[in-house]
Amino acid sequence: MTTTPRPNIVFIVADDLGHADLGCYGGRDAEFGPVSPVLDGMAARGLRFTQGYSNSPVCSPTRFALMTARYQYRLRGAADEPINSKSRGSATLGLPPEHPTLPSLLRDAGYRSALVGKWHLGYPPHFGPLRSGYEEFFGPMSGGVDYFSHADSSGQHDLWVGEQRENRDGYLTDLITQRAVEWIARTARGAAPLFLSLHYTAPHWPWETRDDRELSTRIEGSLFHLAGGNVHTYRRMIHHMDEGIGQVLEALRVAGRLDDTLVVFTSDNGGERFSDNWPLVGGKMDLTEGGIRVPYIAQWPAVIAPGGVSAQHCLTMDWSATMLAAAGVAAHPQYPLDGVSLLPVLRDAAATFARPMGWRMNHRSQRAWRDGRWKYLRVDGHDYLFDLDADERERANRGPWEADRLARMRRAWEDWNATMPPIPPDATVSLGYGAKDMPQR
């Protein structure tokens, strides 16, 4: 195989997808058949990671890390869990335009760039995709929008082209796909390499498939959709996204760009209400494995051998660092990366390396540290130690029997945390639902 010094890059991010929702991660077929045949095919043609993690168990903090290739805790906007629509107009809660980003660094190196899909990193006039390195933007600015009305949780219309609101009829997943396909067809005519961030809102609530336009009018103003949804609808939403990804891959093939394109797929955090995280416990907002272990699939025909599986430990921001490394782009000297390039693993799935990883959450005072097979976890003031190689469900607390190891892991987290700014006292936690709405996990 030969490597390409300046590959095209497509970074696909699903929203609230569970670890086992895809067939290639053990997900079961739906009543209509396989849920994710396109993504399963990507895994067969490329590399699937079994120990991939999101930078956070909630959406906007992970997106800060994705954009900067740095721990999100370094930026004030990422301290809110997550940024909510009430922050519209804030000059604080967003990705500062002066901070180097994956798209800005690639743009400066000659890449054409676009974000098609969800932003969720602050609102104009202070923040926005065009202010952080993208040439083009189509999608919602906020965290969650209706798939047909394109209104956010505050009821405001939230579909944009650049920094102008756009009224467009259609199912949002399909509109995102159509725009991505159009951008590839138009931009691939030039000689410059391409960078496309394709950030679907699927399968985030509200629970609407292509056939649920009428439902959209009935749940107006209730986007959390607490009284609706089911596993069947949820799987169909994933399938719509999967179909769209197939169209994007086909657009790359037609443009003659597929072989030299690194395509990465992941989720911004673990699954929500109807997701399948088996065998993991927990989900969105939790630092248990179900909240942060996510699917990772990479396809790059010129470099990645088909059918690979890697147990490399990695975080969302490692993909951003990998993309910069693949493009031959260095980090800004004043903003060193926390992400670590996975290029050696892409070239050889067996070439794994040690990768300690840390997390913290204001919600429930959570903290976690993963180093090798061991994980230190604190939730609600209780400390735990788990051997994840033996106990992925985190049910067998080894802390009382291995007090020295627990103490070492705790110190490692504390040493790491000391390198990060403290959680600011005005940071907010926004929960969409609680025990009054449905039983706890």
Protein backbone atom coordinates (compact mmCIF):
# COMPACT_ATOMS: atom_id res chain seq x y z
CA MET A 1 0.00 0.00 0.00
CA THR A 2 1.12 3.56 -0.64
CA THR A 3 0.39 6.50 1.60
CA THR A 4 -1.03 9.77 0.39
CA PRO A 5 0.69 12.86 1.82
CA ARG A 6 -2.45 15.03 1.61
CA PRO A 7 -5.53 12.82 1.76
CA ASN A 8 -9.07 14.07 1.58
CA ILE A 9 -10.75 13.78 4.99
CA VAL A 10 -14.39 13.16 5.91
CA PHE A 11 -15.14 13.23 9.65
CA ILE A 12 -18.61 11.77 10.31
CA VAL A 13 -20.12 12.22 13.76
CA ALA A 14 -23.44 10.73 14.88
CA ASP A 15 -25.36 12.19 17.81
CA ASP A 16 -26.04 10.04 20.91
CA LEU A 17 -25.35 6.74 19.14
CA GLY A 18 -24.93 3.75 21.45
CA HIS A 19 -21.89 1.49 21.45
CA ALA A 20 -23.81 -1.55 20.16
CA ASP A 21 -26.34 0.15 17.86
CA LEU A 22 -24.45 -0.83 14.69
CA GLY A 23 -24.39 -4.33 13.29
CA CYS A 24 -20.59 -4.41 13.22
CA TYR A 25 -20.62 -3.78 17.00
CA GLY A 26 -23.05 -6.59 17.73
CA GLY A 27 -26.30 -4.73 17.12
CA ARG A 28 -29.31 -6.84 16.22
CA ASP A 29 -31.26 -6.47 12.98
CA ALA A 30 -34.43 -4.40 13.02
CA GLU A 31 -37.77 -5.61 11.70
CA PHE A 32 -36.82 -4.11 8.31
CA GLY A 33 -33.43 -5.85 8.25
CA PRO A 34 -29.86 -4.72 9.00
CA VAL A 35 -29.76 -1.31 10.67
CA SER A 36 -26.36 -0.14 9.42
CA PRO A 37 -25.24 -2.02 6.28
CA VAL A 38 -23.18 0.90 4.93
CA LEU A 39 -21.24 1.44 8.17
CA ASP A 40 -20.85 -2.32 8.57
CA GLY A 41 -19.35 -2.33 5.08
CA MET A 42 -16.99 0.48 6.04
CA ALA A 43 -15.78 -1.59 8.97
CA ALA A 44 -15.26 -4.60 6.68
CA ARG A 45 -13.27 -2.49 4.21
CA GLY A 46 -11.34 -0.63 6.90
CA LEU A 47 -10.56 -0.65 10.61
CA ARG A 48 -12.91 -0.99 13.58
CA PHE A 49 -11.85 0.09 17.07
CA THR A 50 -13.16 -1.72 20.14
CA GLN A 51 -11.76 0.67 22.77
CA GLY A 52 -12.63 4.08 21.33
CA TYR A 53 -13.93 6.78 23.65
CA SER A 54 -15.60 10.16 23.34
CA ASN A 55 -13.98 13.09 25.12
CA SER A 56 -17.18 13.59 27.11
CA PRO A 57 -20.47 11.78 27.76
CA VAL A 58 -22.36 14.84 26.49
CA CYS A 59 -22.35 16.56 23.14
CA SER A 60 -20.90 20.08 23.11
CA PRO A 61 -17.88 19.32 25.35
CA THR A 62 -16.85 16.51 22.99
CA ARG A 63 -17.19 18.88 20.04
CA PHE A 64 -14.78 21.36 21.65
CA ALA A 65 -12.21 18.56 21.83
CA LEU A 66 -12.96 17.43 18.28
CA MET A 67 -12.41 20.94 16.91
CA THR A 68 -9.24 21.74 18.87
CA ALA A 69 -7.57 18.32 19.31
CA ARG A 70 -7.16 19.37 22.94
CA TYR A 71 -8.89 18.45 26.18
CA GLN A 72 -12.12 20.42 26.24
CA TYR A 73 -11.55 21.40 29.87
CA ARG A 74 -9.10 24.04 28.67
CA LEU A 75 -11.96 26.17 27.29
CA ARG A 76 -14.70 27.86 29.33
CA GLY A 77 -17.50 27.08 26.91
CA ALA A 78 -16.95 23.35 27.34
CA ALA A 79 -17.60 23.54 31.08
CA ASP A 80 -21.35 23.75 30.47
CA GLU A 81 -22.84 20.25 30.19
CA PRO A 82 -23.97 20.95 27.49
CA ILE A 83 -24.30 24.45 26.01
CA ASN A 84 -28.07 25.03 25.78
CA SER A 85 -30.20 27.31 23.63
CA LYS A 86 -30.50 29.84 26.48
CA SER A 87 -26.86 30.77 25.77
CA ARG A 88 -27.81 32.47 22.52
CA GLY A 89 -26.04 35.84 22.49
CA SER A 90 -23.42 34.80 25.06
CA ALA A 91 -19.88 35.99 24.35
CA THR A 92 -18.50 33.31 26.70
CA LEU A 93 -20.19 30.03 25.82
CA GLY A 94 -18.65 29.04 22.53
CA LEU A 95 -15.49 28.14 20.64
CA PRO A 96 -13.30 31.28 20.56
CA PRO A 97 -12.57 32.25 16.93
CA GLU A 98 -8.95 33.00 17.80
CA HIS A 99 -8.30 29.40 18.92
CA PRO A 100 -6.71 27.25 16.19
CA THR A 101 -8.96 24.41 15.09
CA LEU A 102 -8.79 21.33 12.94
CA PRO A 103 -10.58 23.14 10.07
CA SER A 104 -8.56 26.37 10.42
CA LEU A 105 -5.23 24.53 10.41
CA LEU A 106 -6.26 22.45 7.40
CA ARG A 107 -7.63 25.54 5.62
CA ASP A 108 -4.33 27.33 6.11
CA ALA A 109 -2.60 24.30 4.58
CA GLY A 110 -4.69 24.56 1.41
CA TYR A 111 -7.67 22.34 2.20
CA ARG A 112 -11.21 23.19 1.10
CA SER A 113 -13.47 22.83 4.13
CA ALA A 114 -17.13 22.62 5.09
CA LEU A 115 -19.24 21.70 8.10
CA VAL A 116 -22.48 20.06 7.08
CA GLY A 117 -24.62 19.29 10.10
CA LYS A 118 -24.54 20.15 13.79
CA TRP A 119 -22.28 22.88 15.23
CA HIS A 120 -23.31 23.28 18.93
CA LEU A 121 -20.32 25.44 19.84
CA GLY A 122 -21.90 28.84 20.38
CA TYR A 123 -24.01 31.31 18.44
CA PRO A 124 -23.32 34.28 16.17
CA PRO A 125 -22.28 37.04 16.35
CA HIS A 126 -19.54 35.84 18.68
CA PHE A 127 -19.12 32.25 17.51
CA GLY A 128 -19.82 30.07 14.51
CA PRO A 129 -18.31 27.62 12.02
CA LEU A 130 -17.22 30.33 9.58
CA ARG A 131 -15.34 32.05 12.43
CA SER A 132 -13.47 28.86 13.32
CA GLY A 133 -12.02 27.77 10.01
CA TYR A 134 -14.80 26.43 7.82
CA GLU A 135 -15.39 27.97 4.39
CA GLU A 136 -18.98 26.78 4.28
CA PHE A 137 -21.63 25.75 6.80
CA PHE A 138 -25.06 24.19 6.46
CA GLY A 139 -26.92 22.89 9.50
CA PRO A 140 -28.20 23.74 12.99
CA MET A 141 -26.24 25.82 15.47
CA SER A 142 -27.86 24.38 18.62
CA GLY A 143 -27.87 21.00 20.30
CA GLY A 144 -31.18 19.52 19.20
CA VAL A 145 -33.70 20.47 16.51
CA ASP A 146 -36.89 19.03 15.10
CA TYR A 147 -36.24 17.01 11.94
CA PHE A 148 -39.03 18.75 9.97
CA SER A 149 -39.63 22.22 11.44
CA HIS A 150 -35.90 22.67 12.17
CA ALA A 151 -36.79 24.52 15.38
CA ASP A 152 -34.65 24.21 18.49
CA SER A 153 -35.84 23.59 22.05
CA SER A 154 -36.65 27.29 22.48
CA GLY A 155 -38.89 27.22 19.39
CA GLN A 156 -36.55 29.29 17.21
CA HIS A 157 -35.79 28.27 13.65
CA ASP A 158 -32.31 26.75 13.60
CA LEU A 159 -31.21 25.78 10.10
CA TRP A 160 -28.45 27.94 8.67
CA VAL A 161 -26.42 28.51 5.53
CA GLY A 162 -23.34 30.32 6.71
CA GLU A 163 -24.67 32.84 9.21
CA GLN A 164 -28.07 33.27 7.58
CA ARG A 165 -31.12 31.29 8.64
CA GLU A 166 -32.39 29.05 5.87
CA ASN A 167 -36.00 27.93 5.38
CA ARG A 168 -35.86 24.61 3.62
CA ASP A 169 -38.43 21.84 3.47
CA GLY A 170 -37.35 18.32 4.23
CA TYR A 171 -36.21 15.71 6.73
CA LEU A 172 -33.03 17.02 8.36
CA THR A 173 -30.97 13.84 8.00
CA ASP A 174 -31.67 13.82 4.27
CA LEU A 175 -31.01 17.56 3.91
CA ILE A 176 -27.62 17.10 5.57
CA THR A 177 -26.80 14.22 3.23
CA GLN A 178 -27.92 16.14 0.14
CA ARG A 179 -25.80 19.15 1.04
CA ALA A 180 -22.73 16.98 1.69
CA VAL A 181 -23.11 15.19 -1.64
CA GLU A 182 -23.55 18.52 -3.45
CA TRP A 183 -20.48 19.99 -1.73
CA ILE A 184 -18.31 17.02 -2.70
CA ALA A 185 -19.48 17.11 -6.32
CA ARG A 186 -18.83 20.86 -6.56
CA THR A 187 -15.58 21.08 -4.63
CA ALA A 188 -13.91 17.91 -5.92
CA ARG A 189 -13.57 19.52 -9.37
CA GLY A 190 -10.56 21.43 -8.06
CA ALA A 191 -7.14 20.07 -7.23
CA ALA A 192 -7.17 20.97 -3.54
CA PRO A 193 -7.69 18.26 -0.91
CA LEU A 194 -11.08 18.22 0.83
CA PHE A 195 -12.04 18.34 4.50
CA LEU A 196 -15.69 17.67 5.23
CA SER A 197 -17.13 17.57 8.74
CA LEU A 198 -20.38 15.63 8.38
CA HIS A 199 -22.15 15.94 11.73
CA TYR A 200 -25.56 14.32 11.70
CA THR A 201 -28.12 15.08 14.38
CA ALA A 202 -29.36 11.48 14.12
CA PRO A 203 -30.28 9.56 16.17
CA HIS A 204 -30.77 12.39 18.74
CA TRP A 205 -34.33 13.14 19.88
CA PRO A 206 -37.04 13.97 18.85
CA TRP A 207 -37.87 10.48 17.66
CA GLU A 208 -38.88 11.09 14.04
CA THR A 209 -38.32 9.08 10.89
CA ARG A 210 -38.86 10.29 7.33
CA ASP A 211 -42.50 9.24 7.66
CA ASP A 212 -43.24 11.27 10.81
CA ARG A 213 -43.85 14.77 9.45
CA GLU A 214 -47.29 14.86 11.08
CA LEU A 215 -45.75 13.92 14.44
CA SER A 216 -43.53 16.98 14.19
CA THR A 217 -46.54 19.29 14.45
CA ARG A 218 -47.87 17.45 17.51
CA ILE A 219 -44.67 17.67 19.56
CA GLU A 220 -43.90 21.30 18.73
CA GLY A 221 -42.30 22.87 21.79
CA SER A 222 -41.53 19.46 23.35
CA LEU A 223 -38.37 18.38 21.61
CA PHE A 224 -37.27 16.08 24.44
CA HIS A 225 -40.21 13.93 23.31
CA LEU A 226 -40.52 12.31 26.73
CA ALA A 227 -43.84 10.62 26.03
CA GLY A 228 -42.84 9.20 22.64
CA GLY A 229 -40.33 7.22 20.69
CA ASN A 230 -39.41 3.54 20.70
CA VAL A 231 -36.62 1.23 19.66
CA HIS A 232 -38.18 0.69 16.23
CA THR A 233 -38.24 4.40 15.38
CA TYR A 234 -34.75 4.84 16.78
CA ARG A 235 -33.30 2.10 14.59
CA ARG A 236 -35.00 3.54 11.52
CA MET A 237 -33.39 6.92 12.28
CA ILE A 238 -29.97 5.27 12.35
CA HIS A 239 -30.80 3.53 9.08
CA HIS A 240 -31.67 6.86 7.42
CA MET A 241 -28.27 8.20 8.48
CA ASP A 242 -26.56 5.03 7.26
CA GLU A 243 -28.21 5.42 3.85
CA GLY A 244 -26.97 9.00 3.70
CA ILE A 245 -23.41 7.93 4.48
CA GLY A 246 -23.68 5.52 1.58
CA GLN A 247 -24.59 8.41 -0.72
CA VAL A 248 -21.62 10.42 0.51
CA LEU A 249 -19.23 7.52 -0.12
CA GLU A 250 -20.71 7.13 -3.60
CA ALA A 251 -20.18 10.85 -4.27
CA LEU A 252 -16.51 10.43 -3.34
CA ARG A 253 -16.24 7.44 -5.69
CA VAL A 254 -17.86 9.30 -8.59
CA ALA A 255 -15.49 12.22 -7.99
CA GLY A 256 -12.50 9.86 -8.11
CA ARG A 257 -11.58 10.71 -4.53
CA LEU A 258 -12.59 7.63 -2.53
CA ASP A 259 -9.30 5.73 -2.47
CA ASP A 260 -7.38 8.74 -1.17
CA THR A 261 -9.94 9.78 1.43
CA LEU A 262 -9.71 9.05 5.14
CA VAL A 263 -13.30 8.58 6.32
CA VAL A 264 -13.81 8.37 10.08
CA PHE A 265 -17.10 7.61 11.80
CA THR A 266 -17.87 8.00 15.50
CA SER A 267 -20.45 9.35 17.97
CA ASP A 268 -20.19 12.43 20.16
CA ASN A 269 -21.04 10.40 23.29
CA GLY A 270 -22.71 7.22 24.44
CA GLY A 271 -26.30 6.31 23.74
CA GLU A 272 -29.47 7.80 25.16
CA ARG A 273 -32.95 6.39 25.91
CA PHE A 274 -33.43 3.82 23.16
CA SER A 275 -29.82 2.97 22.38
CA ASP A 276 -28.10 -0.36 22.79
CA ASN A 277 -24.89 -0.14 24.82
CA TRP A 278 -24.51 -3.84 25.61
CA PRO A 279 -22.52 -5.05 27.44
CA LEU A 280 -21.75 -1.61 28.88
CA VAL A 281 -23.62 0.15 31.68
CA GLY A 282 -24.82 3.75 31.64
CA GLY A 283 -25.22 6.22 28.81
CA LYS A 284 -25.20 9.89 27.97
CA MET A 285 -24.07 12.05 30.95
CA ASP A 286 -22.33 9.07 32.64
CA LEU A 287 -18.61 8.31 32.93
CA THR A 288 -19.41 4.63 33.15
CA GLU A 289 -18.44 2.89 29.91
CA GLY A 290 -21.86 3.26 28.29
CA GLY A 291 -21.54 7.04 28.39
CA ILE A 292 -18.13 7.33 26.77
CA ARG A 293 -17.27 4.15 24.82
CA VAL A 294 -18.42 4.74 21.24
CA PRO A 295 -18.12 3.21 17.77
CA TYR A 296 -14.98 4.11 15.82
CA ILE A 297 -14.67 3.11 12.17
CA ALA A 298 -11.95 4.29 9.78
CA GLN A 299 -11.74 3.68 6.02
CA TRP A 300 -8.84 4.79 3.82
CA PRO A 301 -8.29 2.38 0.93
CA ALA A 302 -4.84 3.78 0.08
CA VAL A 303 -3.55 3.13 3.59
CA ILE A 304 -5.83 0.98 5.79
CA ALA A 305 -5.95 -2.76 5.16
CA PRO A 306 -9.51 -4.15 5.08
CA GLY A 307 -11.07 -6.11 7.91
CA GLY A 308 -8.91 -4.83 10.73
CA VAL A 309 -9.88 -4.65 14.40
CA SER A 310 -7.89 -2.61 16.91
CA ALA A 311 -7.96 -2.55 20.70
CA GLN A 312 -6.07 0.77 20.77
CA HIS A 313 -7.31 3.09 23.51
CA CYS A 314 -8.19 6.47 22.01
CA LEU A 315 -10.28 9.62 22.41
CA THR A 316 -12.20 11.82 19.98
CA MET A 317 -9.41 14.40 19.93
CA ASP A 318 -6.98 11.70 18.80
CA TRP A 319 -8.84 11.56 15.50
CA SER A 320 -8.34 15.30 15.07
CA ALA A 321 -4.62 14.89 15.75
CA THR A 322 -4.55 11.96 13.31
CA MET A 323 -6.12 14.04 10.56
CA LEU A 324 -3.58 16.81 11.04
CA ALA A 325 -0.75 14.28 10.97
CA ALA A 326 -2.14 12.64 7.82
CA ALA A 327 -2.24 16.05 6.13
CA GLY A 328 1.27 16.90 7.31
CA VAL A 329 0.01 19.88 9.32
CA ALA A 330 1.66 20.88 12.59
CA ALA A 331 -0.15 22.22 15.63
CA HIS A 332 0.00 25.92 16.43
CA PRO A 333 3.00 26.32 18.78
CA GLN A 334 0.96 28.24 21.35
CA TYR A 335 -1.77 25.56 21.41
CA PRO A 336 -0.06 22.16 21.73
CA LEU A 337 -2.28 19.18 21.09
CA ASP A 338 -3.52 16.78 23.74
CA GLY A 339 -4.69 14.44 20.99
CA VAL A 340 -2.31 11.71 19.84
CA SER A 341 -2.03 10.61 16.22
CA LEU A 342 -3.38 7.15 15.41
CA LEU A 343 -1.58 6.96 12.06
CA PRO A 344 0.64 4.06 13.19
CA VAL A 345 -2.49 2.06 14.07
CA LEU A 346 -4.16 2.91 10.76
CA ARG A 347 -1.12 1.51 8.96
CA ASP A 348 -0.87 -1.54 11.23
CA ALA A 349 -3.84 -2.51 13.43
CA ALA A 350 -1.51 -4.41 15.76
CA ALA A 351 0.69 -1.35 16.43
CA THR A 352 -1.00 -0.31 19.67
CA PHE A 353 0.55 1.98 22.27
CA ALA A 354 -0.14 3.06 25.85
CA ARG A 355 -2.75 5.83 26.06
CA PRO A 356 -3.83 6.98 29.55
CA MET A 357 -7.07 9.01 29.36
CA GLY A 358 -8.87 11.29 31.80
CA TRP A 359 -12.39 12.65 32.17
CA ARG A 360 -14.32 14.78 34.62
CA MET A 361 -17.95 15.89 34.88
CA ASN A 362 -19.62 18.55 36.98
CA HIS A 363 -22.74 16.37 36.84
CA ARG A 364 -22.68 14.04 39.86
CA SER A 365 -19.05 15.08 40.55
CA GLN A 366 -17.81 12.34 38.25
CA ARG A 367 -14.23 11.56 37.40
CA ALA A 368 -12.57 8.73 35.47
CA TRP A 369 -9.07 7.60 34.56
CA ARG A 370 -8.33 4.76 32.12
CA ASP A 371 -4.85 3.29 32.00
CA GLY A 372 -4.38 -0.08 30.38
CA ARG A 373 -6.96 -2.58 31.57
CA TRP A 374 -7.76 -0.57 34.70
CA LYS A 375 -10.25 2.22 35.25
CA TYR A 376 -10.68 4.50 38.25
CA LEU A 377 -14.17 5.99 38.57
CA ARG A 378 -15.82 8.36 41.03
CA VAL A 379 -19.58 9.00 41.02
CA ASP A 380 -21.44 10.91 43.74
CA GLY A 381 -18.40 10.75 46.01
CA HIS A 382 -17.93 6.97 45.71
CA ASP A 383 -14.63 5.66 44.33
CA TYR A 384 -14.42 2.48 42.26
CA LEU A 385 -11.73 0.45 40.55
CA PHE A 386 -12.55 -1.83 37.63
CA ASP A 387 -10.59 -4.33 35.58
CA LEU A 388 -12.23 -3.65 32.22
CA ASP A 389 -10.59 -6.59 30.49
CA ALA A 390 -12.48 -8.87 32.85
CA ASP A 391 -15.50 -6.70 33.67
CA GLU A 392 -16.67 -4.26 31.00
CA ARG A 393 -19.97 -3.82 32.82
CA GLU A 394 -18.18 -2.27 35.80
CA ARG A 395 -20.05 -4.38 38.31
CA ALA A 396 -17.10 -5.88 40.23
CA ASN A 397 -15.46 -3.09 42.25
CA ARG A 398 -11.86 -4.12 42.91
CA GLY A 399 -11.12 -1.05 45.06
CA PRO A 400 -11.54 -2.68 48.48
CA TRP A 401 -9.23 -5.55 47.48
CA GLU A 402 -6.60 -3.49 45.64
CA ALA A 403 -6.35 -0.33 47.73
CA ASP A 404 -2.82 0.50 46.55
CA ARG A 405 -3.78 0.34 42.89
CA LEU A 406 -6.87 2.45 43.55
CA ALA A 407 -4.73 5.05 45.33
CA ARG A 408 -2.26 5.15 42.42
CA MET A 409 -5.04 5.58 39.90
CA ARG A 410 -6.65 8.30 42.00
CA ARG A 411 -3.33 10.15 42.23
CA ALA A 412 -2.85 9.86 38.48
CA TRP A 413 -6.25 11.46 37.90
CA GLU A 414 -5.51 14.21 40.43
CA ASP A 415 -2.14 14.94 38.82
CA TRP A 416 -3.78 15.14 35.39
CA ASN A 417 -6.65 17.27 36.67
CA ALA A 418 -4.18 19.72 38.20
CA THR A 419 -3.02 20.55 34.66
CA MET A 420 -6.55 21.65 33.71
CA PRO A 421 -8.43 24.81 34.72
CA PRO A 422 -10.91 24.19 37.55
CA ILE A 423 -14.60 23.87 36.79
CA PRO A 424 -15.94 27.44 37.00
CA PRO A 425 -18.60 28.04 39.65
CA ASP A 426 -21.12 29.32 37.09
CA ALA A 427 -20.89 26.23 34.86
CA THR A 428 -24.32 24.70 34.28
CA VAL A 429 -25.62 21.16 33.96
CA SER A 430 -28.70 20.78 31.74
CA LEU A 431 -30.61 17.53 32.14
CA GLY A 432 -33.44 16.86 29.73
CA TYR A 433 -35.17 14.42 32.01
CA GLY A 434 -34.89 12.66 35.34
CA ALA A 435 -36.39 10.00 37.58
CA LYS A 436 -39.83 11.62 37.45
CA ASP A 437 -39.87 11.04 33.69
CA MET A 438 -38.54 7.47 33.55
CA PRO A 439 -36.89 4.97 35.89
CA GLN A 440 -33.17 5.34 36.40
CA ARG A 441 -30.71 2.89 34.87
